[in-house]
């Protein structure tokens, strides 16, 4: 990752990634940090934007990520905005070059 994260944010990101990978490693292709923290502009009140590219059913993974994000919030006080997309959806976003894909491609940092 190019931008250095504040220690609390880095630890929170590690906790989130570890929890996701512990439960769903076989269904996760990539985990990408994007948004203000990836740009090096995160503030104390900023949420942490994380994209999880998955081979699992989107709805199931989004629900699971939301539950993990709540557990991490209760543990650390940091809000994680976790978004799941399937491998196929991510490829489609890339193929049509959506604004969301452009942002993730430009500023995103692969963390897992």
N, C-alpha and C. Protein backbone atom coordinates (compact mmCIF):
# COMPACT_ATOMS: atom_id res chain seq x y z
N UNK A 1 0.84 -1.17 0.00
CA UNK A 1 0.00 0.00 0.00
C UNK A 1 0.89 1.24 0.00
N UNK A 2 0.58 2.18 -0.89
CA UNK A 2 1.40 3.38 -1.04
C UNK A 2 1.24 4.35 0.13
N UNK A 3 0.02 4.54 0.57
CA UNK A 3 -0.26 5.51 1.63
C UNK A 3 -0.16 4.82 2.99
N UNK A 4 0.47 5.51 3.93
CA UNK A 4 0.57 4.96 5.27
C UNK A 4 -0.73 5.26 6.03
N UNK A 5 -1.26 4.24 6.65
CA UNK A 5 -2.49 4.39 7.41
C UNK A 5 -2.18 4.73 8.85
N UNK A 6 -3.06 5.50 9.51
CA UNK A 6 -2.91 5.70 10.95
C UNK A 6 -2.93 4.33 11.64
N UNK A 7 -2.16 4.17 12.73
CA UNK A 7 -2.05 2.86 13.39
C UNK A 7 -3.39 2.21 13.72
N UNK A 8 -4.34 2.98 14.26
CA UNK A 8 -5.64 2.40 14.62
C UNK A 8 -6.37 1.89 13.38
N UNK A 9 -6.27 2.62 12.29
CA UNK A 9 -6.94 2.22 11.06
C UNK A 9 -6.27 0.98 10.48
N UNK A 10 -4.95 0.95 10.50
CA UNK A 10 -4.23 -0.22 10.00
C UNK A 10 -4.59 -1.48 10.79
N UNK A 11 -4.64 -1.35 12.11
CA UNK A 11 -5.01 -2.49 12.95
C UNK A 11 -6.45 -2.92 12.70
N UNK A 12 -7.34 -1.95 12.53
CA UNK A 12 -8.75 -2.26 12.26
C UNK A 12 -8.89 -2.98 10.93
N UNK A 13 -8.18 -2.50 9.92
CA UNK A 13 -8.21 -3.15 8.60
C UNK A 13 -7.71 -4.59 8.70
N UNK A 14 -6.61 -4.78 9.42
CA UNK A 14 -6.08 -6.14 9.61
C UNK A 14 -7.10 -7.04 10.30
N UNK A 15 -7.75 -6.51 11.34
CA UNK A 15 -8.75 -7.30 12.06
C UNK A 15 -9.89 -7.70 11.13
N UNK A 16 -10.38 -6.74 10.35
CA UNK A 16 -11.47 -7.03 9.41
C UNK A 16 -11.04 -8.09 8.39
N UNK A 17 -9.89 -7.88 7.77
CA UNK A 17 -9.40 -8.82 6.75
C UNK A 17 -9.21 -10.21 7.36
N UNK A 18 -8.62 -10.27 8.54
CA UNK A 18 -8.41 -11.57 9.19
C UNK A 18 -9.73 -12.30 9.46
N UNK A 19 -10.73 -11.55 9.91
CA UNK A 19 -12.03 -12.16 10.19
C UNK A 19 -12.68 -12.66 8.91
N UNK A 20 -12.59 -11.86 7.85
CA UNK A 20 -13.17 -12.27 6.57
C UNK A 20 -12.46 -13.52 6.05
N UNK A 21 -11.14 -13.49 6.05
CA UNK A 21 -10.38 -14.61 5.49
C UNK A 21 -10.52 -15.88 6.33
N UNK A 22 -10.65 -15.71 7.64
CA UNK A 22 -10.81 -16.87 8.52
C UNK A 22 -12.09 -17.64 8.17
N UNK A 23 -13.14 -16.90 7.83
CA UNK A 23 -14.43 -17.54 7.55
C UNK A 23 -14.65 -17.85 6.07
N UNK A 24 -14.10 -17.02 5.18
CA UNK A 24 -14.50 -17.09 3.77
C UNK A 24 -13.33 -17.13 2.79
N UNK A 25 -12.17 -17.56 3.25
CA UNK A 25 -10.97 -17.54 2.40
C UNK A 25 -11.20 -18.20 1.04
N UNK A 26 -11.93 -19.30 1.03
CA UNK A 26 -12.14 -20.02 -0.22
C UNK A 26 -13.10 -19.31 -1.17
N UNK A 27 -13.75 -18.23 -0.70
CA UNK A 27 -14.71 -17.51 -1.54
C UNK A 27 -14.29 -16.07 -1.83
N UNK A 28 -13.08 -15.70 -1.41
CA UNK A 28 -12.60 -14.33 -1.60
C UNK A 28 -11.48 -14.32 -2.63
N UNK A 29 -11.66 -13.53 -3.68
CA UNK A 29 -10.63 -13.36 -4.70
C UNK A 29 -9.66 -12.24 -4.31
N UNK A 30 -10.22 -11.10 -3.88
CA UNK A 30 -9.40 -9.94 -3.50
C UNK A 30 -10.14 -9.11 -2.48
N UNK A 31 -9.36 -8.41 -1.66
CA UNK A 31 -9.90 -7.39 -0.76
C UNK A 31 -9.13 -6.12 -1.07
N UNK A 32 -9.87 -5.05 -1.36
CA UNK A 32 -9.26 -3.79 -1.79
C UNK A 32 -9.74 -2.66 -0.89
N UNK A 33 -8.79 -1.91 -0.34
CA UNK A 33 -9.10 -0.68 0.38
C UNK A 33 -9.18 0.43 -0.65
N UNK A 34 -10.25 1.22 -0.60
CA UNK A 34 -10.37 2.37 -1.51
C UNK A 34 -10.96 3.53 -0.72
N UNK A 35 -11.17 4.64 -1.36
CA UNK A 35 -11.76 5.78 -0.67
C UNK A 35 -10.72 6.63 0.02
N UNK A 36 -11.18 7.40 1.01
CA UNK A 36 -10.32 8.42 1.63
C UNK A 36 -9.06 7.85 2.26
N UNK A 37 -9.15 6.70 2.91
CA UNK A 37 -7.93 6.15 3.53
C UNK A 37 -6.94 5.66 2.49
N UNK A 38 -7.42 5.10 1.39
CA UNK A 38 -6.52 4.66 0.32
C UNK A 38 -5.83 5.86 -0.33
N UNK A 39 -6.52 7.01 -0.36
CA UNK A 39 -5.93 8.23 -0.93
C UNK A 39 -5.02 8.95 0.06
N UNK A 40 -5.03 8.51 1.32
CA UNK A 40 -4.25 9.20 2.34
C UNK A 40 -4.94 10.43 2.89
N UNK A 41 -6.27 10.49 2.72
CA UNK A 41 -7.05 11.66 3.15
C UNK A 41 -8.01 11.34 4.28
N UNK A 42 -7.93 10.15 4.85
CA UNK A 42 -8.87 9.75 5.89
C UNK A 42 -8.74 10.60 7.15
N UNK A 43 -9.88 10.94 7.72
CA UNK A 43 -9.94 11.69 8.98
C UNK A 43 -10.51 10.76 10.05
N UNK A 44 -10.44 11.20 11.29
CA UNK A 44 -10.92 10.37 12.40
C UNK A 44 -12.37 9.93 12.19
N UNK A 45 -13.19 10.82 11.62
CA UNK A 45 -14.61 10.50 11.44
C UNK A 45 -14.89 9.77 10.12
N UNK A 46 -13.87 9.55 9.31
CA UNK A 46 -14.05 8.88 8.01
C UNK A 46 -14.37 7.40 8.21
N UNK A 47 -15.21 6.89 7.30
CA UNK A 47 -15.40 5.44 7.29
C UNK A 47 -14.27 4.82 6.47
N UNK A 48 -14.13 3.53 6.58
CA UNK A 48 -13.12 2.80 5.82
C UNK A 48 -13.85 2.03 4.73
N UNK A 49 -13.53 2.34 3.48
CA UNK A 49 -14.18 1.70 2.34
C UNK A 49 -13.39 0.48 1.91
N UNK A 50 -14.05 -0.67 1.90
CA UNK A 50 -13.40 -1.93 1.56
C UNK A 50 -14.27 -2.67 0.54
N UNK A 51 -13.63 -3.10 -0.54
CA UNK A 51 -14.31 -3.88 -1.56
C UNK A 51 -13.83 -5.32 -1.48
N UNK A 52 -14.77 -6.26 -1.43
CA UNK A 52 -14.43 -7.68 -1.41
C UNK A 52 -14.97 -8.30 -2.70
N UNK A 53 -14.05 -8.81 -3.50
CA UNK A 53 -14.42 -9.49 -4.74
C UNK A 53 -14.54 -10.98 -4.41
N UNK A 54 -15.71 -11.54 -4.70
CA UNK A 54 -16.03 -12.87 -4.20
C UNK A 54 -16.54 -13.82 -5.29
N UNK A 55 -16.34 -15.09 -5.05
CA UNK A 55 -16.92 -16.12 -5.91
C UNK A 55 -18.26 -16.60 -5.34
N UNK A 56 -18.61 -16.13 -4.17
CA UNK A 56 -19.85 -16.55 -3.50
C UNK A 56 -21.04 -15.74 -4.02
N UNK A 57 -22.22 -16.14 -3.61
CA UNK A 57 -23.44 -15.39 -3.88
C UNK A 57 -23.31 -13.99 -3.29
N UNK A 58 -23.64 -12.97 -4.09
CA UNK A 58 -23.46 -11.58 -3.65
C UNK A 58 -24.22 -11.30 -2.35
N UNK A 59 -25.51 -11.64 -2.32
CA UNK A 59 -26.33 -11.30 -1.16
C UNK A 59 -25.78 -11.94 0.11
N UNK A 60 -25.42 -13.22 0.01
CA UNK A 60 -24.87 -13.93 1.16
C UNK A 60 -23.59 -13.26 1.66
N UNK A 61 -22.69 -12.94 0.74
CA UNK A 61 -21.41 -12.33 1.14
C UNK A 61 -21.63 -10.92 1.71
N UNK A 62 -22.52 -10.13 1.10
CA UNK A 62 -22.76 -8.78 1.61
C UNK A 62 -23.29 -8.84 3.03
N UNK A 63 -24.20 -9.76 3.29
CA UNK A 63 -24.75 -9.93 4.65
C UNK A 63 -23.64 -10.31 5.62
N UNK A 64 -22.79 -11.25 5.23
CA UNK A 64 -21.70 -11.69 6.10
C UNK A 64 -20.70 -10.56 6.36
N UNK A 65 -20.38 -9.80 5.33
CA UNK A 65 -19.45 -8.67 5.51
C UNK A 65 -20.02 -7.62 6.44
N UNK A 66 -21.32 -7.36 6.31
CA UNK A 66 -21.97 -6.38 7.18
C UNK A 66 -21.91 -6.83 8.64
N UNK A 67 -22.12 -8.11 8.88
CA UNK A 67 -22.04 -8.63 10.25
C UNK A 67 -20.62 -8.50 10.81
N UNK A 68 -19.62 -8.80 10.00
CA UNK A 68 -18.23 -8.66 10.45
C UNK A 68 -17.92 -7.19 10.69
N UNK A 69 -18.39 -6.31 9.82
CA UNK A 69 -18.14 -4.87 9.98
C UNK A 69 -18.73 -4.36 11.29
N UNK A 70 -19.91 -4.84 11.66
CA UNK A 70 -20.52 -4.44 12.93
C UNK A 70 -19.68 -4.94 14.10
N UNK A 71 -19.22 -6.18 14.04
CA UNK A 71 -18.36 -6.71 15.11
C UNK A 71 -17.09 -5.87 15.25
N UNK A 72 -16.50 -5.49 14.13
CA UNK A 72 -15.28 -4.68 14.16
C UNK A 72 -15.59 -3.29 14.70
N UNK A 73 -16.72 -2.71 14.30
CA UNK A 73 -17.12 -1.40 14.82
C UNK A 73 -17.27 -1.44 16.34
N UNK A 74 -17.92 -2.46 16.85
CA UNK A 74 -18.11 -2.57 18.30
C UNK A 74 -16.78 -2.76 19.02
N UNK A 75 -15.84 -3.42 18.37
CA UNK A 75 -14.53 -3.68 18.96
C UNK A 75 -13.59 -2.49 18.87
N UNK A 76 -13.65 -1.74 17.76
CA UNK A 76 -12.65 -0.69 17.51
C UNK A 76 -13.21 0.72 17.44
N UNK A 77 -14.51 0.85 17.20
CA UNK A 77 -15.09 2.18 17.02
C UNK A 77 -14.92 2.72 15.61
N UNK A 78 -14.37 1.92 14.71
CA UNK A 78 -14.15 2.35 13.32
C UNK A 78 -15.23 1.72 12.44
N UNK A 79 -15.91 2.58 11.66
CA UNK A 79 -16.96 2.10 10.76
C UNK A 79 -16.35 1.65 9.44
N UNK A 80 -16.62 0.42 9.05
CA UNK A 80 -16.15 -0.11 7.78
C UNK A 80 -17.35 -0.22 6.84
N UNK A 81 -17.24 0.44 5.71
CA UNK A 81 -18.24 0.32 4.66
C UNK A 81 -17.76 -0.77 3.71
N UNK A 82 -18.24 -1.98 3.94
CA UNK A 82 -17.78 -3.14 3.16
C UNK A 82 -18.75 -3.41 2.04
N UNK A 83 -18.21 -3.52 0.84
CA UNK A 83 -19.03 -3.78 -0.33
C UNK A 83 -18.55 -5.07 -0.98
N UNK A 84 -19.49 -5.97 -1.26
CA UNK A 84 -19.17 -7.21 -1.96
C UNK A 84 -19.56 -7.07 -3.42
N UNK A 85 -18.73 -7.58 -4.30
CA UNK A 85 -19.10 -7.75 -5.71
C UNK A 85 -18.59 -9.12 -6.13
N UNK A 86 -19.35 -9.75 -7.01
CA UNK A 86 -18.89 -11.04 -7.52
C UNK A 86 -17.79 -10.80 -8.55
N UNK A 87 -17.04 -11.84 -8.81
CA UNK A 87 -15.99 -11.76 -9.83
C UNK A 87 -16.59 -11.32 -11.16
N UNK A 88 -17.75 -11.87 -11.50
CA UNK A 88 -18.41 -11.53 -12.76
C UNK A 88 -18.83 -10.06 -12.79
N UNK A 89 -19.40 -9.57 -11.69
CA UNK A 89 -19.81 -8.16 -11.62
C UNK A 89 -18.61 -7.24 -11.75
N UNK A 90 -17.51 -7.59 -11.10
CA UNK A 90 -16.31 -6.76 -11.16
C UNK A 90 -15.78 -6.72 -12.59
N UNK A 91 -15.80 -7.86 -13.27
CA UNK A 91 -15.35 -7.90 -14.66
C UNK A 91 -16.24 -7.03 -15.54
N UNK A 92 -17.55 -7.08 -15.32
CA UNK A 92 -18.48 -6.24 -16.08
C UNK A 92 -18.21 -4.76 -15.82
N UNK A 93 -17.98 -4.40 -14.55
CA UNK A 93 -17.68 -3.00 -14.23
C UNK A 93 -16.41 -2.56 -14.94
N UNK A 94 -15.43 -3.44 -14.99
CA UNK A 94 -14.17 -3.14 -15.68
C UNK A 94 -14.41 -2.99 -17.18
N UNK A 95 -15.16 -3.91 -17.76
CA UNK A 95 -15.41 -3.90 -19.20
C UNK A 95 -16.13 -2.63 -19.66
N UNK A 96 -17.09 -2.16 -18.86
CA UNK A 96 -17.81 -0.95 -19.27
C UNK A 96 -17.23 0.30 -18.60
N UNK A 97 -16.19 0.11 -17.80
CA UNK A 97 -15.44 1.21 -17.20
C UNK A 97 -16.33 2.14 -16.37
N UNK A 98 -17.06 1.57 -15.43
CA UNK A 98 -17.94 2.37 -14.59
C UNK A 98 -17.14 3.35 -13.73
N UNK A 99 -17.80 4.39 -13.27
CA UNK A 99 -17.15 5.35 -12.38
C UNK A 99 -16.62 4.70 -11.12
N UNK A 100 -17.42 3.77 -10.57
CA UNK A 100 -16.98 3.07 -9.37
C UNK A 100 -15.70 2.29 -9.66
N UNK A 101 -15.68 1.56 -10.78
CA UNK A 101 -14.48 0.80 -11.14
C UNK A 101 -13.29 1.73 -11.31
N UNK A 102 -13.49 2.86 -11.98
CA UNK A 102 -12.39 3.82 -12.19
C UNK A 102 -11.81 4.28 -10.86
N UNK A 103 -12.69 4.58 -9.89
CA UNK A 103 -12.21 5.01 -8.57
C UNK A 103 -11.40 3.91 -7.89
N UNK A 104 -11.91 2.70 -7.91
CA UNK A 104 -11.21 1.59 -7.26
C UNK A 104 -9.87 1.33 -7.96
N UNK A 105 -9.87 1.35 -9.29
CA UNK A 105 -8.64 1.10 -10.05
C UNK A 105 -7.61 2.19 -9.80
N UNK A 106 -8.06 3.43 -9.69
CA UNK A 106 -7.15 4.57 -9.53
C UNK A 106 -6.58 4.65 -8.11
N UNK A 107 -7.43 4.48 -7.12
CA UNK A 107 -6.99 4.75 -5.75
C UNK A 107 -6.89 3.51 -4.87
N UNK A 108 -7.42 2.40 -5.32
CA UNK A 108 -7.50 1.21 -4.49
C UNK A 108 -6.16 0.57 -4.20
N UNK A 109 -6.07 -0.05 -3.04
CA UNK A 109 -4.87 -0.78 -2.63
C UNK A 109 -5.30 -2.19 -2.23
N UNK A 110 -4.75 -3.18 -2.91
CA UNK A 110 -5.08 -4.57 -2.60
C UNK A 110 -4.46 -4.92 -1.25
N UNK A 111 -5.30 -5.40 -0.34
CA UNK A 111 -4.81 -5.76 1.00
C UNK A 111 -4.84 -7.26 1.23
N UNK A 112 -5.50 -8.00 0.38
CA UNK A 112 -5.52 -9.47 0.49
C UNK A 112 -5.86 -10.06 -0.84
